[in-house]
Amino acid sequence: MSATQLKIRKSISVMQRDYENGNKNELENLMRAWKGIKELPADDPHSFFKLGGFHGEPFRGAGWGSAAYWGGYCNHGNVLFPTWHRIYILKVEEALQSIKGCENVMLPYWDETDEESLQKGIPSCLTDEFFELDGEKIPNPLRSFVFPKNIVDNVQGDNNLYNKPKGYETVRYPLSGLVGSDEDRKKTKAHNAQFPDYNKNVEILNGNVLNWLNSYIIVKKKKIETNVNQKFKDCLEAPNYTVFSNTTSAAEWNINLEEGSLPVVSLESPHNSIHLAVGGCDLPTYDRSPIPGANGDMGENDTAGLDPIFYFHHCNIDRIFWLWQKKHGFTDHLEIFPEYPGTNTVDNQGPTPGMAPNSWLDLESPLNPFKITEKGKERPYNSLDCINIEKQLGITYSKGSLDQFSEAKLLKAENEDAKVIKVSRINKAPIRGSFMISAFATIDGKKQHLGTEAVLSRWNSQYCANCQTHLEVKAFFKLPVLPEISKDSLKASLKSVEIEIHGRDGVLGGGDAGNNDVSLKKATVLKSGKPPVTFHVEIV
């Protein structure tokens, strides 16, 4: 397909600027399309309720009440993460185009690392409370979603945590959306009452997103980026598709790093960070902590797909996937390391409906529940159907941030000024929902934040039978070589480093790494009554 025939996905920020300059048609049609799919009957194949529910809740198929499966169709922590989500946003885009008068609408991307986002946060058309369409002031279709029917959480052990009634409206940080029980509703009502001003809440949300996007430290008068913006850049340097595609494969690669090598960053890592920035966690720097009780829908796999911002985020994730493909020469083929961690259906989350437990994943594995018609017959999509988005899907992306990194030659890492902190043996079973692992080092007498790894997790991993064999979480951080951290003294390096694990129940574990295997030193336990999360630390 020639370049002139390709349909172009644009930046939502550019579309918004055009609207503000008087060119209103494109953004208005986008709003009209989103309004349309949200108003379709819940069982319509193009309805937002139907499509949004493919990611997690409402669970169906083998995942309905079965501990052997992850209940949603989404793939996380395995090599199908980029391709499954590529087809997912394509199907949402096709649904938008099904609305009368919106046949040419394309799904835009939230360019999370452009200058505007780095300075202001989320584009306002994704957060404005209202929008004027066809002369009428309407609730902004991109801001939230009101459920047309209830969803029921049948995951064993969840105690109906994600039950949500008809009329429930999705929320973002700093609000909570847990309404599954009388106790949950009482706590959520009290929590949300602290944040009555919608516009102020948007300021808090954007402040949180900006913290994730822009954090840095100064070492030897040199600025060292510790933020999500840098993670997106770093993931473009991943040397192969297997480790680029997901956190499980990247963790295996990094745990075997030789001294002097820097850790790889998978695409899924900064993706997770944006989910938690929007959905419910503040950045746990030295003088900050999560807002207790903030449980926005984007912060949990179960409900993330029911917030419209999910699709603008994932459109950008797919764009960066395409940038990596162009940079490394993988626009027409991908390669998966056979039987590598991250290539099995039970890695990280348990198998999805339609996949057998403990089976190997490859480029021909089905991307359920999405179907393609071939020679008059319908079959499931697989990764081979969507490797080249231009030739196979007829779409491409407008020029945005990070494009220059896809065009640049591979850069040799400047690794002589850094060691690597390896954090392992974290058991996620007792941790309720998504959480964060943060690394700190004492520099010039001050505790400095080196980075945070966001873990997007289901609420109760211990109730997924296959998850039980894949509960370990690992994280990796660059440690600058400092005057007070001797290059030759591992013991000195360890004593300078502190690790903290933050989750829905506050600080779950932490302490300096001097003893290698550490837990929270304070006299505290988790709210669940379970002991603090322990972990192992080493520096190479």
Protein backbone atom coordinates (compact mmCIF):
# COMPACT_ATOMS: atom_id res chain seq x y z
CA MET A 1 0.00 0.00 0.00
CA SER A 2 1.40 3.40 -0.96
CA ALA A 3 2.07 6.03 1.68
CA THR A 4 -0.69 8.23 0.26
CA GLN A 5 -3.27 5.48 0.84
CA LEU A 6 -2.35 4.84 4.46
CA LYS A 7 -4.73 5.98 7.19
CA ILE A 8 -2.92 8.08 9.76
CA ARG A 9 -3.26 7.98 13.52
CA LYS A 10 -2.46 11.44 14.86
CA SER A 11 -1.50 12.88 18.21
CA ILE A 12 -4.54 13.89 20.28
CA SER A 13 -2.62 17.01 21.35
CA VAL A 14 -2.23 18.11 17.72
CA MET A 15 -5.90 17.40 17.10
CA GLN A 16 -6.79 19.51 20.14
CA ARG A 17 -4.62 22.43 18.97
CA ASP A 18 -6.32 22.30 15.56
CA TYR A 19 -9.69 22.45 17.32
CA GLU A 20 -8.62 25.48 19.36
CA ASN A 21 -7.45 27.18 16.14
CA GLY A 22 -10.85 26.76 14.53
CA ASN A 23 -10.37 23.45 12.69
CA LYS A 24 -12.96 21.64 14.79
CA ASN A 25 -14.19 18.85 12.52
CA GLU A 26 -11.64 16.15 13.39
CA LEU A 27 -11.95 16.36 17.18
CA GLU A 28 -15.72 16.74 16.99
CA ASN A 29 -16.01 13.58 14.89
CA LEU A 30 -13.81 11.74 17.36
CA MET A 31 -16.07 12.82 20.21
CA ARG A 32 -19.15 11.87 18.17
CA ALA A 33 -17.72 8.41 17.52
CA TRP A 34 -16.85 7.80 21.16
CA LYS A 35 -20.25 9.03 22.29
CA GLY A 36 -21.77 6.65 19.77
CA ILE A 37 -20.02 3.46 20.83
CA LYS A 38 -20.68 4.22 24.50
CA GLU A 39 -24.41 4.52 23.78
CA LEU A 40 -24.70 1.23 21.86
CA PRO A 41 -26.51 -1.66 23.61
CA ALA A 42 -24.18 -3.52 25.96
CA ASP A 43 -24.26 -6.70 23.87
CA ASP A 44 -23.56 -4.94 20.55
CA PRO A 45 -20.16 -6.16 19.24
CA HIS A 46 -19.15 -2.53 18.65
CA SER A 47 -20.28 -1.22 22.04
CA PHE A 48 -17.65 0.21 24.32
CA PHE A 49 -18.95 -1.92 27.20
CA LYS A 50 -18.39 -5.08 25.14
CA LEU A 51 -14.95 -4.05 23.85
CA GLY A 52 -13.77 -2.52 27.12
CA GLY A 53 -14.66 -5.74 28.91
CA PHE A 54 -12.31 -7.86 26.80
CA HIS A 55 -9.32 -6.60 28.78
CA GLY A 56 -10.48 -7.81 32.20
CA GLU A 57 -13.89 -7.53 33.85
CA PRO A 58 -16.55 -8.64 33.15
CA PHE A 59 -14.81 -12.02 33.01
CA ARG A 60 -16.18 -14.65 30.66
CA GLY A 61 -15.21 -18.00 29.20
CA ALA A 62 -12.70 -20.10 31.12
CA GLY A 63 -11.83 -17.15 33.33
CA TRP A 64 -15.31 -17.00 34.82
CA GLY A 65 -14.79 -18.13 38.41
CA SER A 66 -11.89 -20.44 37.54
CA ALA A 67 -8.67 -20.26 39.52
CA ALA A 68 -6.83 -21.90 36.63
CA TYR A 69 -7.12 -18.86 34.37
CA TRP A 70 -6.63 -15.14 34.22
CA GLY A 71 -10.18 -14.09 33.46
CA GLY A 72 -9.54 -11.38 30.90
CA TYR A 73 -8.30 -11.84 27.37
CA CYS A 74 -5.40 -9.39 27.70
CA ASN A 75 -1.81 -10.64 27.60
CA HIS A 76 0.63 -9.15 30.10
CA GLY A 77 4.06 -10.35 31.10
CA ASN A 78 4.47 -12.41 27.93
CA VAL A 79 5.56 -12.02 24.31
CA LEU A 80 2.03 -11.41 23.04
CA PHE A 81 1.69 -8.15 24.99
CA PRO A 82 2.50 -5.81 22.03
CA THR A 83 0.62 -7.72 19.33
CA TRP A 84 -2.52 -8.51 21.36
CA HIS A 85 -2.93 -4.84 22.23
CA ARG A 86 -2.20 -3.87 18.62
CA ILE A 87 -5.25 -5.81 17.46
CA TYR A 88 -7.28 -4.63 20.45
CA ILE A 89 -6.97 -0.94 19.57
CA LEU A 90 -7.61 -1.80 15.90
CA LYS A 91 -10.97 -3.31 16.90
CA VAL A 92 -11.87 -0.26 18.98
CA GLU A 93 -10.93 1.93 16.01
CA GLU A 94 -13.19 -0.13 13.74
CA ALA A 95 -16.02 0.29 16.24
CA LEU A 96 -15.55 4.08 16.20
CA GLN A 97 -15.77 3.98 12.40
CA SER A 98 -19.06 2.06 12.60
CA ILE A 99 -20.86 5.15 13.93
CA LYS A 100 -22.74 7.04 11.20
CA GLY A 101 -20.74 9.97 9.89
CA CYS A 102 -17.55 8.76 11.57
CA GLU A 103 -16.32 6.34 8.91
CA ASN A 104 -12.96 8.14 8.62
CA VAL A 105 -12.27 8.53 12.34
CA MET A 106 -8.88 7.19 13.44
CA LEU A 107 -7.88 6.49 17.03
CA PRO A 108 -5.37 9.20 18.10
CA TYR A 109 -2.47 8.58 20.46
CA TRP A 110 -1.61 10.43 23.65
CA ASP A 111 2.00 11.36 22.95
CA GLU A 112 3.10 10.93 26.55
CA THR A 113 6.67 12.11 25.94
CA ASP A 114 6.04 15.21 23.81
CA GLU A 115 6.91 18.61 25.26
CA GLU A 116 3.30 19.48 26.04
CA SER A 117 2.74 16.31 28.08
CA LEU A 118 6.07 16.74 29.87
CA GLN A 119 5.05 20.25 30.88
CA LYS A 120 1.29 19.95 31.46
CA GLY A 121 0.40 16.26 31.80
CA ILE A 122 -2.66 14.74 30.15
CA PRO A 123 -4.14 16.64 27.17
CA SER A 124 -7.16 18.52 28.48
CA CYS A 125 -9.57 17.00 25.94
CA LEU A 126 -9.08 13.71 27.81
CA THR A 127 -9.91 15.28 31.17
CA ASP A 128 -12.33 18.18 30.50
CA GLU A 129 -15.64 17.60 32.23
CA PHE A 130 -17.77 18.71 29.28
CA PHE A 131 -17.54 19.14 25.50
CA GLU A 132 -19.75 21.11 23.11
CA LEU A 133 -20.98 18.92 20.26
CA ASP A 134 -23.56 19.94 17.67
CA GLY A 135 -24.46 22.98 19.74
CA GLU A 136 -25.08 20.98 22.89
CA LYS A 137 -22.95 20.80 26.05
CA ILE A 138 -22.44 17.10 26.80
CA PRO A 139 -20.37 15.08 29.28
CA ASN A 140 -16.94 14.64 27.69
CA PRO A 141 -17.00 11.16 26.06
CA LEU A 142 -13.24 10.74 26.65
CA ARG A 143 -13.31 11.51 30.38
CA SER A 144 -15.05 8.45 31.83
CA PHE A 145 -17.56 5.68 31.19
CA VAL A 146 -20.91 5.04 32.90
CA PHE A 147 -21.72 1.32 33.03
CA PRO A 148 -24.95 0.41 31.20
CA LYS A 149 -25.23 -2.75 33.32
CA ASN A 150 -23.53 -4.20 36.36
CA ILE A 151 -20.37 -6.30 36.29
CA VAL A 152 -19.80 -9.17 38.70
CA ASP A 153 -16.39 -10.22 40.01
CA ASN A 154 -16.40 -14.01 40.25
CA VAL A 155 -12.68 -14.41 40.94
CA GLN A 156 -12.24 -16.76 43.87
CA GLY A 157 -10.97 -14.90 46.93
CA ASP A 158 -11.67 -11.40 45.59
CA ASN A 159 -14.69 -11.01 47.89
CA ASN A 160 -16.59 -9.30 45.06
CA LEU A 161 -13.97 -6.56 45.08
CA TYR A 162 -14.67 -5.49 41.52
CA ASN A 163 -18.42 -5.85 41.51
CA LYS A 164 -19.70 -2.59 40.02
CA PRO A 165 -23.32 -1.62 39.59
CA LYS A 166 -25.19 -0.25 36.62
CA GLY A 167 -24.61 3.51 36.63
CA TYR A 168 -21.07 3.27 38.06
CA GLU A 169 -18.75 5.87 36.49
CA THR A 170 -15.03 5.16 36.08
CA VAL A 171 -12.60 7.30 38.09
CA ARG A 172 -8.95 8.30 37.99
CA TYR A 173 -6.40 9.36 40.58
CA PRO A 174 -6.88 10.62 43.29
CA LEU A 175 -10.34 8.99 43.55
CA SER A 176 -11.30 5.41 44.39
CA GLY A 177 -13.68 3.17 42.46
CA LEU A 178 -13.92 0.18 44.81
CA VAL A 179 -17.64 -0.38 45.41
CA GLY A 180 -17.91 -4.17 45.56
CA SER A 181 -19.11 -4.50 49.15
CA ASP A 182 -20.83 -2.42 51.80
CA GLU A 183 -17.46 -1.85 53.47
CA ASP A 184 -15.83 -0.87 50.17
CA ARG A 185 -18.63 1.58 49.37
CA LYS A 186 -18.37 3.15 52.81
CA LYS A 187 -14.58 3.59 52.53
CA THR A 188 -14.79 4.86 48.96
CA LYS A 189 -17.50 7.38 49.80
CA ALA A 190 -15.40 8.74 52.68
CA HIS A 191 -12.27 8.83 50.55
CA ASN A 192 -13.85 10.55 47.55
CA ALA A 193 -15.55 13.11 49.82
CA GLN A 194 -12.05 14.51 50.42
CA PHE A 195 -11.85 15.44 46.73
CA PRO A 196 -15.11 17.26 45.83
CA ASP A 197 -13.67 19.70 43.27
CA TYR A 198 -13.40 18.10 39.81
CA ASN A 199 -10.99 20.68 38.39
CA LYS A 200 -8.74 20.39 41.45
CA ASN A 201 -8.74 16.61 41.03
CA VAL A 202 -7.52 17.05 37.45
CA GLU A 203 -4.67 19.21 38.80
CA ILE A 204 -3.75 16.47 41.27
CA LEU A 205 -3.91 13.85 38.51
CA ASN A 206 -1.68 15.88 36.21
CA GLY A 207 0.75 16.58 39.03
CA ASN A 208 1.05 12.86 39.60
CA VAL A 209 1.58 12.13 35.90
CA LEU A 210 4.24 14.85 35.71
CA ASN A 211 6.10 13.32 38.67
CA TRP A 212 6.28 10.00 36.85
CA LEU A 213 7.30 11.60 33.54
CA ASN A 214 9.97 14.03 34.79
CA SER A 215 11.80 12.78 37.89
CA TYR A 216 15.61 13.09 37.95
CA ILE A 217 18.59 13.38 40.29
CA ILE A 218 21.85 15.35 40.10
CA VAL A 219 25.09 13.38 40.47
CA LYS A 220 28.50 15.00 40.02
CA LYS A 221 26.68 18.04 38.59
CA LYS A 222 25.20 15.76 35.96
CA LYS A 223 21.45 15.33 35.50
CA ILE A 224 20.45 11.67 35.60
CA GLU A 225 16.93 10.86 34.40
CA THR A 226 14.97 8.48 36.63
CA ASN A 227 11.64 8.96 34.89
CA VAL A 228 9.17 7.29 32.55
CA ASN A 229 10.21 9.56 29.68
CA GLN A 230 13.68 8.02 29.89
CA LYS A 231 12.21 4.51 30.17
CA PHE A 232 10.43 4.98 26.86
CA LYS A 233 13.73 6.02 25.27
CA ASP A 234 15.57 3.11 26.89
CA CYS A 235 13.05 0.51 25.70
CA LEU A 236 13.84 1.49 22.11
CA GLU A 237 17.37 0.18 22.74
CA ALA A 238 16.16 -3.34 23.67
CA PRO A 239 18.21 -5.71 21.48
CA ASN A 240 15.51 -8.22 20.47
CA TYR A 241 11.74 -8.57 20.35
CA THR A 242 11.52 -11.13 23.16
CA VAL A 243 12.98 -8.84 25.83
CA PHE A 244 11.44 -5.70 24.31
CA SER A 245 7.96 -7.18 24.41
CA ASN A 246 7.40 -7.86 28.11
CA THR A 247 8.66 -7.55 31.67
CA THR A 248 9.02 -11.30 32.30
CA SER A 249 11.49 -11.83 29.45
CA ALA A 250 13.35 -8.60 30.25
CA ALA A 251 13.72 -9.68 33.89
CA GLU A 252 15.27 -12.99 32.82
CA TRP A 253 17.70 -11.15 30.56
CA ASN A 254 18.61 -8.70 33.30
CA ILE A 255 19.04 -11.24 36.09
CA ASN A 256 21.84 -12.77 33.98
CA LEU A 257 23.59 -9.49 33.14
CA GLU A 258 27.34 -9.52 33.19
CA GLU A 259 29.19 -6.88 35.16
CA GLY A 260 29.45 -3.66 33.19
CA SER A 261 26.23 -4.24 31.22
CA LEU A 262 23.16 -2.10 31.72
CA PRO A 263 19.66 -3.55 32.15
CA VAL A 264 17.26 -3.66 29.24
CA VAL A 265 13.87 -1.96 29.56
CA SER A 266 10.82 -3.61 28.04
CA LEU A 267 7.98 -1.68 26.40
CA GLU A 268 5.68 -3.04 29.10
CA SER A 269 7.63 -1.29 31.88
CA PRO A 270 6.86 2.39 31.05
CA HIS A 271 3.41 1.20 29.96
CA ASN A 272 2.79 -0.03 33.51
CA SER A 273 4.01 3.24 34.97
CA ILE A 274 1.48 5.30 33.02
CA HIS A 275 -1.30 2.97 34.15
CA LEU A 276 -0.43 3.59 37.80
CA ALA A 277 0.18 7.31 37.30
CA VAL A 278 -3.35 7.70 35.89
CA GLY A 279 -5.04 5.05 37.98
CA GLY A 280 -4.01 5.45 41.53
CA CYS A 281 -0.47 5.76 42.84
CA ASP A 282 1.72 8.75 43.57
CA LEU A 283 5.47 8.52 43.00
CA PRO A 284 7.06 7.33 46.28
CA THR A 285 10.01 9.70 46.40
CA TYR A 286 11.61 10.44 49.74
CA ASP A 287 9.10 13.13 50.73
CA ARG A 288 6.03 11.64 49.02
CA SER A 289 3.81 8.62 49.48
CA PRO A 290 0.72 7.21 47.77
CA ILE A 291 -2.57 8.84 48.65
CA PRO A 292 -4.16 6.13 50.81
CA GLY A 293 -7.31 4.75 49.25
CA ALA A 294 -6.70 6.02 45.71
CA ASN A 295 -7.90 3.16 43.50
CA GLY A 296 -8.69 4.51 40.05
CA ASP A 297 -9.76 2.11 37.33
CA MET A 298 -6.63 2.49 35.15
CA GLY A 299 -4.51 1.15 38.01
CA GLU A 300 -5.89 -2.40 37.87
CA ASN A 301 -6.00 -4.94 35.04
CA ASP A 302 -9.57 -5.82 35.96
CA THR A 303 -11.08 -2.46 34.99
CA ALA A 304 -8.42 -0.51 33.06
CA GLY A 305 -10.02 -1.21 29.68
CA LEU A 306 -13.24 0.51 30.75
CA ASP A 307 -11.62 3.96 31.02
CA PRO A 308 -11.46 5.64 27.57
CA ILE A 309 -7.96 7.02 28.26
CA PHE A 310 -6.70 3.42 28.12
CA TYR A 311 -6.99 3.41 24.32
CA PHE A 312 -5.15 6.70 23.77
CA HIS A 313 -2.39 5.37 26.03
CA HIS A 314 -2.22 2.05 24.20
CA CYS A 315 -2.28 3.73 20.81
CA ASN A 316 0.93 5.45 21.91
CA ILE A 317 2.34 2.13 23.18
CA ASP A 318 1.66 0.65 19.74
CA ARG A 319 3.33 3.66 18.09
CA ILE A 320 6.46 3.06 20.16
CA PHE A 321 6.31 -0.63 19.25
CA TRP A 322 6.36 0.47 15.57
CA LEU A 323 9.26 2.85 16.26
CA TRP A 324 11.23 -0.04 17.78
CA GLN A 325 10.44 -2.21 14.76
CA LYS A 326 11.71 0.46 12.37
CA LYS A 327 14.82 1.11 14.44
CA HIS A 328 15.85 -2.55 14.58
CA GLY A 329 14.72 -3.71 11.14
CA PHE A 330 11.74 -5.78 12.29
CA THR A 331 8.94 -4.19 10.27
CA ASP A 332 8.24 -7.42 8.34
CA HIS A 333 9.20 -10.14 10.79
CA LEU A 334 9.60 -10.74 14.52
CA GLU A 335 11.60 -13.36 16.38
CA ILE A 336 10.72 -15.06 19.67
CA PHE A 337 13.23 -17.03 21.73
CA PRO A 338 11.57 -20.46 22.10
CA GLU A 339 10.79 -21.60 25.66
CA TYR A 340 12.25 -18.42 27.18
CA PRO A 341 10.59 -16.92 30.28
CA GLY A 342 7.67 -14.88 28.99
CA THR A 343 6.78 -17.41 26.28
CA ASN A 344 4.40 -19.62 28.27
CA THR A 345 0.68 -19.14 28.89
CA VAL A 346 1.16 -19.25 32.66
CA ASP A 347 3.96 -16.67 32.79
CA ASN A 348 3.03 -13.71 34.98
CA GLN A 349 -0.77 -13.95 34.90
CA GLY A 350 -2.08 -17.39 34.00
CA PRO A 351 -3.55 -18.42 30.62
CA THR A 352 -6.31 -16.45 28.91
CA PRO A 353 -9.60 -18.03 27.73
CA GLY A 354 -8.97 -20.23 24.70
CA MET A 355 -5.37 -20.97 25.70
CA ALA A 356 -4.29 -24.20 27.35
CA PRO A 357 -2.43 -23.90 30.67
CA ASN A 358 1.32 -24.41 30.46
CA SER A 359 1.54 -24.14 26.67
CA TRP A 360 4.20 -22.30 24.70
CA LEU A 361 3.50 -19.02 22.92
CA ASP A 362 4.73 -18.12 19.48
CA LEU A 363 3.80 -15.84 16.59
CA GLU A 364 0.96 -18.18 15.58
CA SER A 365 -0.67 -18.20 19.02
CA PRO A 366 -4.26 -16.90 18.82
CA LEU A 367 -4.94 -13.33 19.91
CA ASN A 368 -8.36 -14.13 21.35
CA PRO A 369 -11.14 -13.07 21.09
CA PHE A 370 -10.38 -11.16 17.89
CA LYS A 371 -11.27 -12.77 14.56
CA ILE A 372 -10.11 -12.19 10.99
CA THR A 373 -11.79 -13.46 7.83
CA GLU A 374 -9.44 -15.26 5.45
CA LYS A 375 -10.60 -16.90 2.21
CA GLY A 376 -14.19 -16.65 3.40
CA LYS A 377 -13.47 -18.35 6.72
CA GLU A 378 -13.16 -16.78 10.15
CA ARG A 379 -10.21 -17.58 12.39
CA PRO A 380 -8.49 -15.94 15.37
CA TYR A 381 -5.94 -13.21 14.68
CA ASN A 382 -2.34 -14.08 15.44
CA SER A 383 0.81 -11.98 15.63
CA LEU A 384 1.77 -12.79 12.04
CA ASP A 385 -1.33 -10.88 10.90
CA CYS A 386 -0.19 -7.55 12.34
CA ILE A 387 3.60 -7.29 12.23
CA ASN A 388 3.70 -4.61 9.54
CA ILE A 389 1.00 -2.06 10.39
CA GLU A 390 1.37 -0.29 7.05
CA LYS A 391 1.31 -3.28 4.68
CA GLN A 392 -1.07 -5.48 6.66
CA LEU A 393 -3.34 -3.03 8.48
CA GLY A 394 -3.14 -0.02 6.17
CA ILE A 395 -2.34 2.44 8.94
CA THR A 396 0.62 4.45 10.12
CA TYR A 397 1.45 7.10 12.71
CA SER A 398 2.06 10.81 12.37
CA LYS A 399 5.45 12.11 13.39
CA GLY A 400 5.66 12.47 17.16
CA SER A 401 8.11 12.46 20.04
CA LEU A 402 10.83 9.78 20.07
CA ASP A 403 10.74 9.47 16.27
CA GLN A 404 14.34 10.61 16.17
CA PHE A 405 15.34 7.62 18.29
CA SER A 406 13.87 5.19 15.77
CA GLU A 407 15.91 6.82 13.02
CA ALA A 408 19.18 6.91 14.95
CA LYS A 409 21.82 4.24 14.81
CA LEU A 410 22.08 1.94 17.79
CA LEU A 411 23.95 3.72 20.53
CA LYS A 412 26.63 2.03 22.57
CA ALA A 413 25.65 2.26 26.22
CA GLU A 414 27.84 4.48 28.37
CA ASN A 415 28.09 1.94 31.14
CA GLU A 416 31.38 2.81 32.75
CA ASP A 417 29.64 5.14 35.21
CA ALA A 418 26.98 2.78 36.50
CA LYS A 419 26.36 -0.44 38.34
CA VAL A 420 23.07 -2.35 38.36
CA ILE A 421 20.84 -2.96 41.38
CA LYS A 422 19.05 -6.31 41.04
CA VAL A 423 15.97 -6.74 43.23
CA SER A 424 14.48 -10.25 43.18
CA ARG A 425 12.55 -12.86 45.18
CA ILE A 426 9.55 -10.57 45.67
CA ASN A 427 6.48 -12.74 46.17
CA LYS A 428 3.45 -10.85 44.82
CA ALA A 429 0.91 -13.28 46.32
CA PRO A 430 0.27 -11.30 49.53
CA ILE A 431 0.26 -7.93 47.74
CA ARG A 432 -3.21 -6.62 47.00
CA GLY A 433 -3.32 -5.32 43.45
CA SER A 434 -0.76 -3.21 41.59
CA PHE A 435 2.33 -2.00 43.42
CA MET A 436 5.68 -0.24 42.98
CA ILE A 437 9.31 -1.10 43.70
CA SER A 438 11.52 1.94 44.26
CA ALA A 439 15.29 2.22 44.66
CA PHE A 440 17.10 4.99 46.53
CA ALA A 441 20.75 5.83 47.23
CA THR A 442 22.28 8.26 49.69
CA ILE A 443 24.10 10.90 47.66
CA ASP A 444 25.82 13.86 49.34
CA GLY A 445 24.03 12.95 52.54
CA LYS A 446 20.58 13.03 50.89
CA LYS A 447 18.32 10.14 50.00
CA GLN A 448 17.88 10.25 46.21
CA HIS A 449 15.27 8.41 44.15
CA LEU A 450 16.92 6.22 41.47
CA GLY A 451 13.79 4.89 39.86
CA THR A 452 10.49 3.08 40.26
CA GLU A 453 9.29 -0.12 38.62
CA ALA A 454 5.49 -0.26 38.40
CA VAL A 455 3.89 -3.71 38.62
CA LEU A 456 0.41 -3.86 37.10
CA SER A 457 -1.16 -6.82 38.86
CA ARG A 458 -4.50 -8.47 39.53
CA TRP A 459 -5.93 -7.91 43.00
CA ASN A 460 -5.44 -11.44 44.30
CA SER A 461 -2.62 -13.35 42.59
CA GLN A 462 -2.80 -16.09 45.22
CA TYR A 463 -6.20 -17.14 43.90
CA CYS A 464 -4.94 -17.85 40.37
CA ALA A 465 -3.74 -21.47 40.44
CA ASN A 466 -1.25 -21.12 37.58
CA CYS A 467 -0.02 -17.77 38.91
CA GLN A 468 1.24 -19.67 41.95
CA THR A 469 4.23 -20.94 40.02
CA HIS A 470 5.02 -17.49 38.63
CA LEU A 471 4.76 -15.20 41.64
CA GLU A 472 8.31 -13.83 41.72
CA VAL A 473 8.75 -10.20 40.68
CA LYS A 474 12.12 -8.66 39.79
CA ALA A 475 13.24 -5.08 39.23
CA PHE A 476 16.47 -3.53 37.98
CA PHE A 477 17.90 -0.03 38.47
CA LYS A 478 20.98 1.86 37.34
CA LEU A 479 23.23 2.89 40.22
CA PRO A 480 25.64 5.75 39.39
CA VAL A 481 29.19 5.15 40.61
CA LEU A 482 29.73 7.84 43.24
CA PRO A 483 32.72 9.00 45.33
CA GLU A 484 31.00 7.62 48.43
CA ILE A 485 30.21 4.34 46.64
CA SER A 486 33.50 2.62 45.91
CA LYS A 487 33.73 0.88 42.55
CA ASP A 488 35.61 -1.93 44.26
CA SER A 489 33.50 -2.32 47.37
CA LEU A 490 30.23 -4.22 46.96
CA LYS A 491 29.61 -3.90 50.69
CA ALA A 492 29.86 -0.11 50.53
CA SER A 493 27.53 -0.06 47.53
CA LEU A 494 24.93 -2.17 49.30
CA LYS A 495 24.91 0.03 52.37
CA SER A 496 24.21 3.10 50.25
CA VAL A 497 21.09 1.56 48.66
CA GLU A 498 17.56 1.35 50.02
CA ILE A 499 14.59 -0.42 48.47
CA GLU A 500 10.95 0.37 49.19
CA ILE A 501 7.83 -1.49 48.06
CA HIS A 502 4.64 0.59 48.01
CA GLY A 503 1.14 -0.69 47.36
CA ARG A 504 -2.51 -0.20 48.20
CA ASP A 505 -1.74 -0.90 51.87
CA GLY A 506 1.06 1.67 52.16
CA VAL A 507 4.71 0.67 52.58
CA LEU A 508 4.83 -3.10 52.16
CA GLY A 509 8.54 -3.72 52.54
CA GLY A 510 11.83 -1.90 52.58
CA GLY A 511 15.19 -1.30 54.15
CA ASP A 512 18.84 -0.88 53.24
CA ALA A 513 20.40 -3.62 51.18
CA GLY A 514 23.36 -4.30 53.45
CA ASN A 515 22.08 -7.72 54.42
CA ASN A 516 21.07 -8.72 50.88
CA ASP A 517 17.80 -10.34 52.02
CA VAL A 518 15.74 -7.61 53.61
CA SER A 519 12.26 -6.71 54.78
CA LEU A 520 10.72 -3.68 56.42
CA LYS A 521 12.74 -2.84 59.53
CA LYS A 522 9.95 -0.90 61.22
CA ALA A 523 7.66 -2.77 63.61
CA THR A 524 4.74 -3.05 61.22
CA VAL A 525 2.74 -5.59 59.25
CA LEU A 526 0.47 -5.30 56.27
CA LYS A 527 -3.17 -4.32 56.87
CA SER A 528 -4.06 -7.85 55.86
CA GLY A 529 -2.18 -9.07 58.95
CA LYS A 530 0.48 -10.76 56.83
CA PRO A 531 4.19 -10.16 57.37
CA PRO A 532 6.06 -7.51 55.32
CA VAL A 533 7.18 -8.38 51.81
CA THR A 534 10.78 -9.58 51.69
CA PHE A 535 13.22 -9.42 48.80
CA HIS A 536 16.81 -10.01 47.77
CA VAL A 537 19.21 -7.32 46.55
CA GLU A 538 22.54 -7.54 44.80
CA ILE A 539 24.66 -5.03 42.91
CA VAL A 540 26.82 -5.88 39.91
